[in-house]
Amino acid sequence: MKVSQIASLCLLVPLTACASIVSHSNWPVNVTADPADTEVEVINEAGKVIQKSKAPFTLTLKSGAGYFNGEKYTLRGTAAGYATSTTVLDTKLNGWYIGNLVFGDLIGFLIVDPLTGAMYKLPASAHVALAKSQP
């Protein structure tokens, strides 16, 4: 490797972000429900319905809702003869985000991953269980 290539690499490394590179900020989530014909609304923190479908289905959701703010979704299930039920789908800290500290990448730790939402992850699945309505 030439000196100029090494210098370029050294300049680029601090401009990267571990979670943004290794992971992502959009996550596929498999939604299931009981009973199987349940209509499920996926609602974001702002109260906007992202999707309304009969379970089961898979959708891709953003993990970030703003700078240092993980997104939280509410799944509301409805079906004839059953009481409406809700389940909360919340983000967790993405382990790759800590990689910024290991590699000394403060720009990724303080700016890139928090802005892109890559510092958070969502679970791979969510389940909405409804109870029979009382007559």
Protein backbone atom coordinates (compact mmCIF):
# COMPACT_ATOMS: atom_id res chain seq x y z
CA MET A 1 0.00 0.00 0.00
CA LYS A 2 1.26 3.46 -0.87
CA VAL A 3 1.61 6.21 1.71
CA SER A 4 -1.14 8.23 -0.03
CA GLN A 5 -3.55 5.26 0.20
CA ILE A 6 -2.80 4.80 3.89
CA ALA A 7 -3.30 8.53 4.52
CA SER A 8 -6.63 8.45 2.66
CA LEU A 9 -7.75 5.44 4.67
CA CYS A 10 -6.79 7.16 7.92
CA LEU A 11 -8.86 10.19 6.91
CA LEU A 12 -11.91 8.11 5.95
CA VAL A 13 -12.08 5.86 9.03
CA PRO A 14 -13.15 8.64 11.43
CA LEU A 15 -15.91 9.66 9.01
CA THR A 16 -17.59 6.27 9.19
CA ALA A 17 -20.03 4.87 11.69
CA CYS A 18 -20.09 1.25 12.81
CA ALA A 19 -23.84 0.71 13.03
CA SER A 20 -24.49 2.61 9.78
CA ILE A 21 -21.93 0.49 7.92
CA VAL A 22 -22.35 -2.96 9.47
CA SER A 23 -26.06 -2.78 10.27
CA HIS A 24 -28.93 -0.63 8.98
CA SER A 25 -31.74 1.69 10.07
CA ASN A 26 -34.65 -0.10 8.35
CA TRP A 27 -35.69 -3.44 9.81
CA PRO A 28 -38.00 -6.16 8.48
CA VAL A 29 -40.60 -7.10 11.11
CA ASN A 30 -42.83 -10.17 10.82
CA VAL A 31 -46.27 -9.44 12.32
CA THR A 32 -48.48 -12.30 13.47
CA ALA A 33 -51.76 -12.34 15.35
CA ASP A 34 -54.18 -14.63 17.14
CA PRO A 35 -56.76 -15.17 15.65
CA ALA A 36 -55.19 -15.41 12.21
CA ASP A 37 -57.69 -13.12 10.44
CA THR A 38 -56.88 -10.15 12.69
CA GLU A 39 -56.65 -6.73 11.04
CA VAL A 40 -53.50 -5.05 12.38
CA GLU A 41 -52.72 -1.34 12.20
CA VAL A 42 -49.09 -0.33 12.63
CA ILE A 43 -48.92 3.19 14.09
CA ASN A 44 -45.72 5.22 14.58
CA GLU A 45 -44.91 7.56 17.51
CA ALA A 46 -46.41 10.52 15.65
CA GLY A 47 -49.75 8.69 15.42
CA LYS A 48 -49.55 7.99 11.68
CA VAL A 49 -50.83 4.62 10.44
CA ILE A 50 -47.89 3.09 8.58
CA GLN A 51 -49.72 -0.04 7.42
CA LYS A 52 -53.07 -1.76 7.90
CA SER A 53 -53.19 -5.41 6.86
CA LYS A 54 -54.54 -8.79 7.83
CA ALA A 55 -51.97 -10.82 9.77
CA PRO A 56 -49.59 -12.41 9.08
CA PHE A 57 -47.50 -9.92 7.11
CA THR A 58 -43.98 -8.53 7.00
CA LEU A 59 -43.11 -4.85 6.71
CA THR A 60 -39.95 -2.78 6.92
CA LEU A 61 -39.85 -0.15 9.66
CA LYS A 62 -37.43 2.68 10.44
CA SER A 63 -35.65 2.37 13.76
CA GLY A 64 -35.00 6.10 14.21
CA ALA A 65 -37.45 8.92 14.87
CA GLY A 66 -34.92 11.74 15.04
CA TYR A 67 -31.57 12.62 16.56
CA PHE A 68 -30.90 10.22 19.48
CA ASN A 69 -34.55 9.12 19.33
CA GLY A 70 -35.56 5.54 18.62
CA GLU A 71 -38.96 4.98 17.01
CA LYS A 72 -41.76 3.23 18.87
CA TYR A 73 -44.67 1.57 17.09
CA THR A 74 -48.10 0.52 18.35
CA LEU A 75 -49.74 -2.50 16.75
CA ARG A 76 -53.52 -2.44 17.19
CA GLY A 77 -55.40 -5.61 16.34
CA THR A 78 -59.12 -5.92 15.66
CA ALA A 79 -61.28 -8.89 14.68
CA ALA A 80 -65.01 -9.64 14.81
CA GLY A 81 -65.98 -11.22 18.12
CA TYR A 82 -62.73 -10.17 19.84
CA ALA A 83 -61.71 -7.23 22.01
CA THR A 84 -59.25 -4.79 20.42
CA SER A 85 -55.68 -5.39 21.58
CA THR A 86 -52.47 -3.39 21.30
CA THR A 87 -48.82 -4.36 21.39
CA VAL A 88 -45.89 -1.96 21.57
CA LEU A 89 -42.90 -2.51 19.32
CA ASP A 90 -39.96 -0.53 20.69
CA THR A 91 -36.36 -0.10 19.60
CA LYS A 92 -33.32 -1.30 21.51
CA LEU A 93 -29.73 -0.09 21.31
CA ASN A 94 -27.91 -1.69 18.37
CA GLY A 95 -24.76 -3.47 19.58
CA TRP A 96 -22.84 -2.24 16.53
CA TYR A 97 -23.30 1.32 17.79
CA ILE A 98 -20.86 0.56 20.64
CA GLY A 99 -18.30 -0.34 17.95
CA ASN A 100 -17.84 3.39 17.45
CA LEU A 101 -16.25 3.61 20.90
CA VAL A 102 -14.08 0.56 20.30
CA PHE A 103 -12.70 2.04 17.07
CA GLY A 104 -12.51 5.61 18.39
CA ASP A 105 -15.10 6.97 15.97
CA LEU A 106 -16.70 9.88 17.82
CA ILE A 107 -18.30 11.27 14.66
CA GLY A 108 -20.16 7.99 14.18
CA PHE A 109 -21.00 7.80 17.88
CA LEU A 110 -22.28 11.37 18.24
CA ILE A 111 -23.54 12.28 14.75
CA VAL A 112 -23.92 9.66 12.01
CA ASP A 113 -25.55 6.72 13.82
CA PRO A 114 -27.87 8.89 15.97
CA LEU A 115 -29.02 10.87 12.90
CA THR A 116 -29.60 7.85 10.66
CA GLY A 117 -31.30 5.78 13.38
CA ALA A 118 -28.72 3.01 12.92
CA MET A 119 -27.89 3.17 16.63
CA TYR A 120 -31.22 1.40 17.23
CA LYS A 121 -32.68 -1.91 16.11
CA LEU A 122 -36.15 -3.40 16.06
CA PRO A 123 -37.19 -6.96 16.93
CA ALA A 124 -37.59 -9.33 13.99
CA SER A 125 -41.18 -10.17 14.95
CA ALA A 126 -44.23 -8.91 16.81
CA HIS A 127 -47.41 -10.73 17.89
CA VAL A 128 -50.85 -9.30 18.67
CA ALA A 129 -53.11 -11.56 20.75
CA LEU A 130 -56.80 -10.79 21.02
CA ALA A 131 -59.20 -12.07 23.69
CA LYS A 132 -62.79 -13.13 22.93
CA SER A 133 -65.34 -10.38 23.57
CA GLN A 134 -67.73 -10.83 26.48
CA PRO A 135 -71.37 -11.22 25.34
